[in-house]
Amino acid sequence: MTTALLQTTYFGPIQWYQKLHRYDHILIEQHDSYQKQTFRNRCVIATANGLQALTVPVETTGQKCEVCDVRISDHNQWRRVHWNALQSAYSESPFFEYYADDIRPFYEKRYRYLTEYNEDIRQTLCQLIDIEPTVDYTEAFVAPAAVTPPVADYRAVISAKHPQQDPDFEPRRYWQVFGSKLGFQPNLSILDLLFNMGPEAIYYL
């Protein structure tokens, strides 16, 4: 049985969901130290003006706060901002209206912890894409040096700031709303693939 070790993500990139689809078992790290500007609380979408990062504001308990203890902040009405950004970016996509009622509740319900929020998102997205990964969460921090086959560690590979080489992931073109203006934008949030490709998203993965 193959296992992929991943970070938790907020509407994670396509590459992250590819691992959910291709590996027998998924282990999500929840005891690593929280870091800013990562996919843990950020996703990237394509808009008419270019790429836009949507960041969930969070509250931490200190410099070495574990991800499982990170709380979601209600700062700056971010839920309304994110939902409006998604509507603006994808209202003209083929499947936005089809999936909007499944995604909107994540901007209406208030969650306390980031990992809880991300897990509910993951479960919903897996249902919409029609994949059924076996997912567990770490019970303690897994040091990179302790990871051996058949476990593959993608925590540093799938990175918002400094992605590492992943020979098992090669972004392929698909239709995007602003593709004619921006050119193809690879490895955006899974929402970009879902809204643009709909039921065919699973074949892309």
Protein backbone atom coordinates (compact mmCIF):
# COMPACT_ATOMS: atom_id res chain seq x y z
CA MET A 1 0.00 0.00 0.00
CA THR A 2 1.36 3.41 -0.99
CA THR A 3 0.93 6.41 1.29
CA ALA A 4 1.24 10.14 0.55
CA LEU A 5 2.10 12.47 3.44
CA LEU A 6 0.53 15.90 2.87
CA GLN A 7 -0.12 19.20 4.59
CA THR A 8 -3.67 20.33 5.18
CA THR A 9 -4.90 22.75 2.50
CA TYR A 10 -7.60 25.36 1.93
CA PHE A 11 -9.11 24.46 -1.47
CA GLY A 12 -5.68 23.04 -2.26
CA PRO A 13 -3.95 23.01 -5.64
CA ILE A 14 -4.67 20.41 -8.30
CA GLN A 15 -1.39 18.66 -7.50
CA TRP A 16 -2.60 18.02 -3.93
CA TYR A 17 -5.83 16.40 -5.12
CA GLN A 18 -3.89 14.34 -7.64
CA LYS A 19 -2.18 12.65 -4.69
CA LEU A 20 -5.56 11.97 -3.06
CA HIS A 21 -6.66 10.23 -6.23
CA ARG A 22 -3.51 8.25 -6.98
CA TYR A 23 -2.34 6.98 -3.59
CA ASP A 24 -3.87 4.11 -1.63
CA HIS A 25 -3.63 6.00 1.64
CA ILE A 26 -3.34 9.68 2.57
CA LEU A 27 -1.79 10.91 5.80
CA ILE A 28 -2.33 14.59 6.56
CA GLU A 29 0.13 16.30 8.90
CA GLN A 30 -1.53 18.28 11.67
CA HIS A 31 1.28 18.62 14.22
CA ASP A 32 3.81 20.62 12.22
CA SER A 33 4.47 24.26 13.13
CA TYR A 34 2.19 26.71 11.35
CA GLN A 35 3.88 28.87 8.72
CA LYS A 36 2.54 31.89 6.88
CA GLN A 37 1.95 32.04 3.12
CA THR A 38 1.31 28.34 2.58
CA PHE A 39 -1.53 26.33 1.09
CA ARG A 40 -2.67 25.53 4.64
CA ASN A 41 -4.81 28.68 4.58
CA ARG A 42 -4.32 30.01 1.06
CA CYS A 43 -5.50 29.11 -2.43
CA VAL A 44 -4.78 30.70 -5.80
CA ILE A 45 -7.37 31.41 -8.48
CA ALA A 46 -7.26 33.04 -11.92
CA THR A 47 -9.12 36.34 -12.35
CA ALA A 48 -9.51 38.82 -15.18
CA ASN A 49 -6.58 40.78 -13.69
CA GLY A 50 -4.29 37.81 -13.17
CA LEU A 51 -3.68 35.37 -10.36
CA GLN A 52 -5.20 36.14 -6.97
CA ALA A 53 -4.38 34.53 -3.64
CA LEU A 54 -7.27 34.08 -1.23
CA THR A 55 -6.03 33.82 2.36
CA VAL A 56 -8.01 32.72 5.40
CA PRO A 57 -6.96 34.93 8.35
CA VAL A 58 -5.90 32.89 11.35
CA GLU A 59 -4.98 33.23 15.01
CA THR A 60 -2.06 31.30 16.48
CA THR A 61 -1.02 30.58 20.06
CA GLY A 62 2.66 31.40 19.61
CA GLN A 63 5.69 31.14 17.35
CA LYS A 64 5.59 27.33 17.27
CA CYS A 65 1.84 26.86 17.15
CA GLU A 66 0.90 23.45 15.77
CA VAL A 67 -1.42 23.51 12.77
CA CYS A 68 -4.12 21.61 14.66
CA ASP A 69 -4.32 24.50 17.14
CA VAL A 70 -4.64 27.28 14.55
CA ARG A 71 -7.96 29.08 14.80
CA ILE A 72 -9.80 30.92 12.06
CA SER A 73 -10.21 34.66 12.54
CA ASP A 74 -13.26 36.69 11.54
CA HIS A 75 -11.01 39.57 10.53
CA ASN A 76 -11.94 41.77 7.53
CA GLN A 77 -15.10 39.90 6.48
CA TRP A 78 -12.89 37.49 4.56
CA ARG A 79 -15.75 35.06 3.86
CA ARG A 80 -17.64 37.65 1.85
CA VAL A 81 -14.43 38.76 0.11
CA HIS A 82 -13.52 35.21 -0.91
CA TRP A 83 -16.98 34.30 -2.15
CA ASN A 84 -17.25 37.51 -4.16
CA ALA A 85 -13.84 36.81 -5.69
CA LEU A 86 -14.93 33.31 -6.71
CA GLN A 87 -18.13 34.64 -8.23
CA SER A 88 -16.23 37.30 -10.16
CA ALA A 89 -13.59 34.85 -11.41
CA TYR A 90 -15.81 31.88 -12.28
CA SER A 91 -19.37 33.07 -12.92
CA GLU A 92 -18.72 32.60 -16.65
CA SER A 93 -17.19 29.15 -16.26
CA PRO A 94 -19.21 26.16 -17.51
CA PHE A 95 -19.88 24.62 -14.10
CA PHE A 96 -19.90 27.43 -11.53
CA GLU A 97 -23.68 27.50 -11.19
CA TYR A 98 -23.76 23.71 -11.00
CA TYR A 99 -21.41 23.58 -8.00
CA ALA A 100 -22.09 26.96 -6.35
CA ASP A 101 -24.59 25.56 -3.83
CA ASP A 102 -21.99 23.03 -2.68
CA ILE A 103 -19.24 25.63 -2.19
CA ARG A 104 -21.22 28.59 -0.82
CA PRO A 105 -21.84 27.03 2.63
CA PHE A 106 -18.10 27.20 3.36
CA TYR A 107 -18.52 30.98 3.35
CA GLU A 108 -21.65 30.97 5.50
CA LYS A 109 -20.83 28.53 8.29
CA ARG A 110 -18.30 29.63 10.90
CA TYR A 111 -15.55 27.19 11.79
CA ARG A 112 -13.29 27.45 14.81
CA TYR A 113 -10.22 25.53 13.68
CA LEU A 114 -8.44 25.63 10.32
CA THR A 115 -7.90 21.85 10.13
CA GLU A 116 -11.60 21.22 10.75
CA TYR A 117 -12.52 23.71 8.02
CA ASN A 118 -10.06 22.24 5.55
CA GLU A 119 -11.19 18.69 6.24
CA ASP A 120 -14.83 19.51 5.55
CA ILE A 121 -13.72 21.19 2.32
CA ARG A 122 -11.69 18.12 1.36
CA GLN A 123 -14.59 15.76 1.96
CA THR A 124 -16.95 17.86 -0.13
CA LEU A 125 -14.48 18.29 -2.99
CA CYS A 126 -13.75 14.56 -3.06
CA GLN A 127 -17.48 13.88 -3.35
CA LEU A 128 -17.87 16.40 -6.16
CA ILE A 129 -14.87 15.05 -8.07
CA ASP A 130 -15.95 11.47 -7.32
CA ILE A 131 -12.81 10.21 -5.61
CA GLU A 132 -12.75 8.20 -2.38
CA PRO A 133 -9.34 8.46 -0.73
CA THR A 134 -8.55 6.76 2.56
CA VAL A 135 -7.45 9.65 4.78
CA ASP A 136 -5.96 9.77 8.26
CA TYR A 137 -4.32 12.50 10.33
CA THR A 138 -0.96 12.25 12.06
CA GLU A 139 -0.99 11.66 15.80
CA ALA A 140 2.41 13.36 16.21
CA PHE A 141 4.79 15.30 13.98
CA VAL A 142 6.44 13.11 11.37
CA ALA A 143 10.04 14.22 10.87
CA PRO A 144 11.15 14.21 7.21
CA ALA A 145 14.12 12.01 8.06
CA ALA A 146 11.75 9.38 9.45
CA VAL A 147 9.79 9.01 6.20
CA THR A 148 10.69 5.90 4.22
CA PRO A 149 9.01 4.02 1.34
CA PRO A 150 6.26 3.19 0.71
CA VAL A 151 5.45 6.60 2.24
CA ALA A 152 6.05 9.59 -0.08
CA ASP A 153 6.48 12.95 1.67
CA TYR A 154 4.93 15.81 -0.31
CA ARG A 155 4.78 18.36 2.50
CA ALA A 156 7.65 20.42 1.11
CA VAL A 157 7.08 19.47 -2.53
CA ILE A 158 3.60 21.00 -2.79
CA SER A 159 4.54 24.49 -1.66
CA ALA A 160 3.05 27.89 -2.36
CA LYS A 161 6.39 29.74 -2.13
CA HIS A 162 9.09 27.22 -3.08
CA PRO A 163 7.61 24.16 -4.83
CA GLN A 164 10.00 21.29 -5.39
CA GLN A 165 10.25 19.03 -8.40
CA ASP A 166 7.54 16.40 -8.64
CA PRO A 167 8.16 13.94 -11.50
CA ASP A 168 4.71 12.43 -10.95
CA PHE A 169 2.89 15.69 -11.68
CA GLU A 170 2.98 17.41 -15.04
CA PRO A 171 0.27 20.06 -15.49
CA ARG A 172 -1.71 19.57 -18.67
CA ARG A 173 -3.72 22.27 -20.34
CA TYR A 174 -7.46 22.49 -19.88
CA TRP A 175 -9.93 25.24 -20.75
CA GLN A 176 -9.83 28.24 -18.39
CA VAL A 177 -12.12 31.27 -18.32
CA PHE A 178 -9.30 33.77 -18.85
CA GLY A 179 -7.02 31.48 -20.79
CA SER A 180 -7.10 33.62 -23.94
CA LYS A 181 -6.03 36.66 -21.90
CA LEU A 182 -3.65 35.18 -19.34
CA GLY A 183 -2.50 32.03 -21.06
CA PHE A 184 -2.79 28.68 -19.31
CA GLN A 185 -2.21 28.92 -15.55
CA PRO A 186 -1.06 25.57 -14.10
CA ASN A 187 -1.77 24.03 -10.71
CA LEU A 188 -4.31 26.53 -9.44
CA SER A 189 -6.83 25.76 -6.72
CA ILE A 190 -8.88 22.62 -7.31
CA LEU A 191 -11.84 24.99 -7.70
CA ASP A 192 -10.41 26.21 -11.00
CA LEU A 193 -10.42 22.68 -12.37
CA LEU A 194 -13.85 21.90 -10.94
CA PHE A 195 -15.59 25.03 -12.23
CA ASN A 196 -14.00 24.74 -15.67
CA MET A 197 -14.07 20.99 -16.23
CA GLY A 198 -16.90 19.73 -14.02
CA PRO A 199 -17.34 15.95 -14.06
CA GLU A 200 -14.27 15.57 -16.28
CA ALA A 201 -12.01 16.79 -13.45
CA ILE A 202 -11.44 13.24 -12.28
CA TYR A 203 -10.00 12.27 -15.68
CA TYR A 204 -7.55 15.17 -15.45
CA LEU A 205 -6.36 13.93 -12.08
